[in-house]
Amino acid sequence: MSTSRPAAPQGEPAEHLPPAGTPAAPRPYVADDEALARVHASAEFQELKSRFRNFAFPMSAAFLIWYFAYVLLSTYAIDLMKKPLFGNVTLGLFLGLLQFLTTFLITALYIRHANKNLDPIATKLRAELEGNR
């Protein structure tokens, strides 16, 4: 008796298998060490790393300084942070909300940077690497 379905792995019920005739999922591409070394040494990859670092490191440093300044102000400048701006909104509350706004802004800036400056290079490198199959 022949079946078009593979045997279920040990301890796995047969109903967990995909239906017969279902195409198998494509295998992920795994590059060999030589191809990876070649890409790693390429000028394009070095440019990709440089563009990423030139954005990520300064932005991370700026945000961490801003974040710790807020924490330090909240801890040591309590009277300043309690100062009302308008209604029941204090300077501390306002700066705390700005932390969220800053996070969203940095995320949007990174997405724009990645789409414009990183993804084209990464896509090209991936195509070259996978083209060596």
Protein backbone atom coordinates (compact mmCIF):
# COMPACT_ATOMS: atom_id res chain seq x y z
CA MET A 1 0.00 0.00 0.00
CA SER A 2 1.56 3.25 -1.14
CA THR A 3 0.69 6.69 0.11
CA SER A 4 1.61 10.09 -1.27
CA ARG A 5 1.98 11.51 2.22
CA PRO A 6 5.20 11.14 4.17
CA ALA A 7 5.13 9.32 7.45
CA ALA A 8 4.46 11.47 10.47
CA PRO A 9 7.44 12.08 12.73
CA GLN A 10 7.54 9.85 15.78
CA GLY A 11 4.91 10.99 18.28
CA GLU A 12 3.25 13.32 15.74
CA PRO A 13 -0.32 12.49 14.61
CA ALA A 14 -0.74 12.00 10.86
CA GLU A 15 -3.46 14.68 10.75
CA HIS A 16 -0.78 17.30 11.50
CA LEU A 17 0.83 16.70 8.11
CA PRO A 18 -0.07 18.90 5.14
CA PRO A 19 -2.55 17.39 2.67
CA ALA A 20 -1.16 15.22 -0.10
CA GLY A 21 -0.06 17.26 -3.10
CA THR A 22 0.78 20.36 -1.05
CA PRO A 23 4.01 21.82 -2.36
CA ALA A 24 6.87 21.70 0.10
CA ALA A 25 8.05 24.97 1.60
CA PRO A 26 11.14 26.27 -0.18
CA ARG A 27 14.38 25.57 1.60
CA PRO A 28 16.13 28.64 2.92
CA TYR A 29 19.29 29.56 1.08
CA VAL A 30 22.45 28.90 3.05
CA ALA A 31 25.59 30.43 1.60
CA ASP A 32 28.93 28.74 1.89
CA ASP A 33 31.72 30.30 3.92
CA GLU A 34 33.64 31.44 0.85
CA ALA A 35 30.66 33.36 -0.58
CA LEU A 36 29.96 34.97 2.80
CA ALA A 37 33.61 35.99 3.17
CA ARG A 38 33.55 37.49 -0.33
CA VAL A 39 30.44 39.56 0.47
CA HIS A 40 31.84 40.59 3.86
CA ALA A 41 35.01 41.91 2.21
CA SER A 42 33.14 43.77 -0.54
CA ALA A 43 33.04 47.56 -0.70
CA GLU A 44 29.23 47.46 -0.82
CA PHE A 45 29.01 45.59 2.48
CA GLN A 46 31.47 47.97 4.12
CA GLU A 47 29.35 50.88 2.84
CA LEU A 48 26.22 49.23 4.24
CA LYS A 49 27.83 48.84 7.68
CA SER A 50 29.10 52.41 7.58
CA ARG A 51 25.71 53.86 6.66
CA PHE A 52 24.03 51.86 9.42
CA ARG A 53 26.57 52.89 12.05
CA ASN A 54 26.53 56.55 11.00
CA PHE A 55 22.81 56.64 11.75
CA ALA A 56 22.38 54.19 14.62
CA PHE A 57 25.22 55.19 16.93
CA PRO A 58 24.64 58.97 17.05
CA MET A 59 20.87 58.50 17.27
CA SER A 60 21.22 55.96 20.08
CA ALA A 61 23.63 58.21 21.97
CA ALA A 62 21.33 61.23 21.59
CA PHE A 63 18.31 59.29 22.80
CA LEU A 64 20.16 57.79 25.77
CA ILE A 65 21.39 61.24 26.83
CA TRP A 66 17.83 62.59 26.52
CA TYR A 67 16.41 59.61 28.44
CA PHE A 68 18.92 59.79 31.31
CA ALA A 69 18.53 63.57 31.49
CA TYR A 70 14.82 63.02 32.05
CA VAL A 71 15.47 60.37 34.72
CA LEU A 72 18.02 62.59 36.48
CA LEU A 73 15.71 65.61 36.35
CA SER A 74 12.90 63.47 37.76
CA THR A 75 15.15 62.35 40.59
CA TYR A 76 17.10 65.48 41.48
CA ALA A 77 15.09 68.45 40.14
CA ILE A 78 11.73 67.61 41.62
CA ASP A 79 10.66 71.22 42.07
CA LEU A 80 11.43 71.96 38.41
CA MET A 81 9.53 68.88 37.21
CA LYS A 82 6.50 69.82 39.38
CA LYS A 83 6.26 73.23 37.73
CA PRO A 84 2.83 73.53 36.04
CA LEU A 85 2.84 74.38 32.33
CA PHE A 86 -0.92 74.65 31.79
CA GLY A 87 -3.84 73.20 33.69
CA ASN A 88 -2.77 70.03 35.48
CA VAL A 89 0.11 69.37 33.05
CA THR A 90 3.52 69.70 34.69
CA LEU A 91 6.91 69.99 33.06
CA GLY A 92 7.70 66.43 34.18
CA LEU A 93 4.57 65.02 32.56
CA PHE A 94 5.21 67.00 29.39
CA LEU A 95 8.83 65.78 29.15
CA GLY A 96 7.68 62.21 29.87
CA LEU A 97 5.23 62.37 26.98
CA LEU A 98 7.99 63.78 24.80
CA GLN A 99 9.94 60.57 25.50
CA PHE A 100 7.23 58.63 23.67
CA LEU A 101 7.11 61.14 20.84
CA THR A 102 10.89 60.96 20.50
CA THR A 103 10.75 57.17 20.29
CA PHE A 104 8.18 57.30 17.48
CA LEU A 105 10.17 59.99 15.68
CA ILE A 106 13.40 58.00 15.84
CA THR A 107 11.56 54.92 14.55
CA ALA A 108 10.15 56.88 11.61
CA LEU A 109 13.55 58.39 10.84
CA TYR A 110 15.20 54.97 10.92
CA ILE A 111 12.58 53.46 8.62
CA ARG A 112 13.11 56.29 6.14
CA HIS A 113 16.90 55.93 6.42
CA ALA A 114 16.76 52.15 5.97
CA ASN A 115 14.41 52.33 2.98
CA LYS A 116 16.50 54.98 1.26
CA ASN A 117 20.08 54.13 2.23
CA LEU A 118 20.31 50.55 3.52
CA ASP A 119 17.75 48.37 1.80
CA PRO A 120 18.93 48.98 -1.79
CA ILE A 121 22.47 47.88 -0.91
CA ALA A 122 21.27 44.92 1.18
CA THR A 123 18.93 43.78 -1.60
CA LYS A 124 21.74 43.96 -4.15
CA LEU A 125 24.12 41.99 -1.91
CA ARG A 126 21.47 39.36 -1.23
CA ALA A 127 20.71 38.97 -4.93
CA GLU A 128 24.41 38.55 -5.69
CA LEU A 129 24.83 36.04 -2.88
CA GLU A 130 21.78 33.99 -3.81
CA GLY A 131 22.69 34.19 -7.48
CA ASN A 132 25.77 32.06 -6.71
CA ARG A 133 23.65 28.95 -6.06
